[in-house]
Amino acid sequence: MPIVNKIFFVENPSTGQRQIHSGLLAAIGPRIDVEVHVPDALASLLTQQGKPVPNPVTGEALIDTGASITAVDDSIIQSLGVQPVGITQVHTPSGSAPQNKYPVKFVFPRTPLPPLVASQAIGSVLQSMGIVALIGRDSLNGVVFVYNGPAGIITFAL
């Protein structure tokens, strides 16, 4: 099982050296670099039709054990040309609303982690929070995730 340890650093302005900063992990949450790709079936269809496969969108995904479902930024998934596969009612502390569901593939660049496929991620507004995706409990079933707050480290194994 491939494993990634992410250490949350800040640069010391006086020395220019990076230091572990456990407060940064607490402040921004457990994030991992991600590429949002079109699902493989759509990529294959586009290739068969001689059409270009859209380039993936890069950013950070928040690992959110409080979210029951994985989400991807609505504008990003639409820019990739992925069509919704359904609608679901999403309940949040501020109320409930219907949201589109999309198939999506996440690739973790510069890591040994295999891609993570979410067959029904919801579209949501996420870029305003500095993230492109939110990895919820539905996608964490096959993942080992450790949040080491005092050390400022997360471990993510898939």
Protein backbone atom coordinates (compact mmCIF):
# COMPACT_ATOMS: atom_id res chain seq x y z
CA MET A 1 0.00 0.00 0.00
CA PRO A 2 1.69 3.24 -1.12
CA ILE A 3 2.06 5.81 1.66
CA VAL A 4 2.53 9.59 1.66
CA ASN A 5 3.56 11.58 4.71
CA LYS A 6 2.92 15.29 4.36
CA ILE A 7 4.66 17.61 6.79
CA PHE A 8 3.24 21.09 7.20
CA PHE A 9 6.11 23.59 7.05
CA VAL A 10 6.48 27.34 7.21
CA GLU A 11 9.57 29.29 6.24
CA ASN A 12 11.41 31.10 9.02
CA PRO A 13 11.83 34.65 7.65
CA SER A 14 15.02 35.30 9.60
CA THR A 15 16.85 32.10 8.60
CA GLY A 16 15.06 31.18 5.36
CA GLN A 17 14.79 27.60 6.59
CA ARG A 18 11.62 25.56 6.72
CA GLN A 19 10.25 24.57 10.11
CA ILE A 20 7.49 22.14 11.00
CA HIS A 21 4.44 24.16 11.98
CA SER A 22 1.70 22.08 13.64
CA GLY A 23 -0.48 25.18 13.84
CA LEU A 24 -0.57 25.35 10.04
CA LEU A 25 -2.09 21.87 9.87
CA ALA A 26 -4.75 22.94 12.37
CA ALA A 27 -5.38 26.22 10.52
CA ILE A 28 -5.80 24.95 6.96
CA GLY A 29 -6.69 21.31 7.57
CA PRO A 30 -5.23 18.13 6.13
CA ARG A 31 -4.61 18.89 2.45
CA ILE A 32 -2.97 16.94 -0.31
CA ASP A 33 -1.95 17.98 -3.83
CA VAL A 34 -4.33 16.62 -6.43
CA GLU A 35 -5.08 16.67 -10.15
CA VAL A 36 -8.75 16.54 -11.13
CA HIS A 37 -9.12 14.40 -14.26
CA VAL A 38 -12.06 13.43 -16.41
CA PRO A 39 -13.15 9.87 -15.66
CA ASP A 40 -11.43 7.15 -17.70
CA ALA A 41 -14.63 6.25 -19.60
CA LEU A 42 -15.01 9.84 -20.84
CA ALA A 43 -11.30 10.05 -21.73
CA SER A 44 -11.63 6.84 -23.77
CA LEU A 45 -14.76 8.08 -25.55
CA LEU A 46 -13.12 11.39 -26.45
CA THR A 47 -10.03 9.59 -27.74
CA GLN A 48 -12.17 7.23 -29.87
CA GLN A 49 -13.97 10.26 -31.31
CA GLY A 50 -10.67 11.95 -32.11
CA LYS A 51 -11.39 14.75 -29.67
CA PRO A 52 -8.84 16.10 -27.20
CA VAL A 53 -9.00 14.96 -23.60
CA PRO A 54 -9.11 18.05 -21.36
CA ASN A 55 -6.00 18.73 -19.30
CA PRO A 56 -6.41 18.00 -15.60
CA VAL A 57 -6.84 20.83 -13.12
CA THR A 58 -4.35 20.94 -10.26
CA GLY A 59 -4.82 22.20 -6.73
CA GLU A 60 -5.27 20.94 -3.21
CA ALA A 61 -7.89 18.57 -1.85
CA LEU A 62 -9.04 18.75 1.75
CA ILE A 63 -9.31 15.37 3.47
CA ASP A 64 -12.59 15.76 5.35
CA THR A 65 -13.74 12.97 7.66
CA GLY A 66 -16.74 15.14 8.57
CA ALA A 67 -18.06 15.02 4.99
CA SER A 68 -20.07 11.98 4.03
CA ILE A 69 -19.51 12.53 0.31
CA THR A 70 -16.59 13.59 -1.87
CA ALA A 71 -16.92 16.93 -3.66
CA VAL A 72 -15.23 18.67 -6.56
CA ASP A 73 -15.44 22.33 -7.44
CA ASP A 74 -18.43 22.82 -9.75
CA SER A 75 -16.66 25.20 -12.12
CA ILE A 76 -13.70 22.83 -12.50
CA ILE A 77 -15.72 19.73 -13.26
CA GLN A 78 -17.84 21.68 -15.74
CA SER A 79 -14.71 23.11 -17.41
CA LEU A 80 -13.58 19.51 -17.97
CA GLY A 81 -16.84 18.79 -19.80
CA VAL A 82 -18.04 16.13 -17.37
CA GLN A 83 -21.81 15.80 -17.39
CA PRO A 84 -23.78 15.17 -14.18
CA VAL A 85 -24.89 11.60 -13.52
CA GLY A 86 -27.60 12.54 -11.03
CA ILE A 87 -28.70 14.88 -8.30
CA THR A 88 -28.59 14.38 -4.54
CA GLN A 89 -29.87 16.33 -1.58
CA VAL A 90 -26.93 17.59 0.48
CA HIS A 91 -27.35 18.53 4.13
CA THR A 92 -25.00 21.05 5.74
CA PRO A 93 -25.12 23.07 8.95
CA SER A 94 -26.57 25.96 6.93
CA GLY A 95 -29.39 23.90 5.40
CA SER A 96 -29.97 21.47 2.57
CA ALA A 97 -29.87 21.88 -1.19
CA PRO A 98 -29.85 19.70 -4.29
CA GLN A 99 -26.44 19.28 -5.91
CA ASN A 100 -25.27 17.57 -9.10
CA LYS A 101 -23.25 14.36 -8.88
CA TYR A 102 -20.31 13.74 -11.22
CA PRO A 103 -17.84 10.93 -11.89
CA VAL A 104 -14.27 12.14 -11.37
CA LYS A 105 -10.74 10.80 -11.06
CA PHE A 106 -8.15 12.24 -8.68
CA VAL A 107 -4.44 11.75 -9.32
CA PHE A 108 -1.89 12.60 -6.63
CA PRO A 109 1.10 14.09 -8.46
CA ARG A 110 4.67 13.38 -7.36
CA THR A 111 3.50 10.56 -5.07
CA PRO A 112 3.35 6.77 -5.37
CA LEU A 113 -0.39 6.86 -4.65
CA PRO A 114 -2.69 5.29 -7.25
CA PRO A 115 -5.56 7.34 -8.66
CA LEU A 116 -8.72 7.68 -6.58
CA VAL A 117 -11.97 7.34 -8.52
CA ALA A 118 -15.14 8.91 -7.16
CA SER A 119 -18.12 7.69 -9.16
CA GLN A 120 -20.54 10.20 -7.65
CA ALA A 121 -18.77 13.27 -6.28
CA ILE A 122 -20.99 16.29 -5.74
CA GLY A 123 -20.35 19.59 -7.42
CA SER A 124 -19.80 22.34 -4.90
CA VAL A 125 -18.24 25.79 -4.52
CA LEU A 126 -14.76 25.06 -3.15
CA GLN A 127 -12.21 27.33 -4.82
CA SER A 128 -13.16 30.19 -2.51
CA MET A 129 -11.74 28.02 0.30
CA GLY A 130 -8.49 27.49 -1.61
CA ILE A 131 -9.26 23.89 -2.57
CA VAL A 132 -10.39 22.14 -5.75
CA ALA A 133 -11.80 19.03 -4.08
CA LEU A 134 -12.90 17.61 -0.78
CA ILE A 135 -12.24 13.92 -0.10
CA GLY A 136 -15.14 12.64 1.98
CA ARG A 137 -15.80 9.41 3.86
CA ASP A 138 -17.26 7.70 0.78
CA SER A 139 -13.80 7.84 -0.83
CA LEU A 140 -11.87 7.16 2.37
CA ASN A 141 -13.15 3.57 2.72
CA GLY A 142 -9.97 2.13 1.20
CA VAL A 143 -7.62 4.70 2.74
CA VAL A 144 -5.48 4.76 5.86
CA PHE A 145 -5.42 8.33 7.14
CA VAL A 146 -3.53 9.54 10.20
CA TYR A 147 -3.77 13.11 11.51
CA ASN A 148 -0.79 13.76 13.78
CA GLY A 149 -1.59 17.23 15.11
CA PRO A 150 1.32 17.65 17.55
CA ALA A 151 3.86 16.75 14.85
CA GLY A 152 2.13 18.69 12.06
CA ILE A 153 2.06 15.60 9.83
CA ILE A 154 -0.60 13.68 7.98
CA THR A 155 -0.20 10.17 6.61
CA PHE A 156 -2.31 9.12 3.65
CA ALA A 157 -2.10 5.57 2.28
CA LEU A 158 -4.18 4.23 -0.59
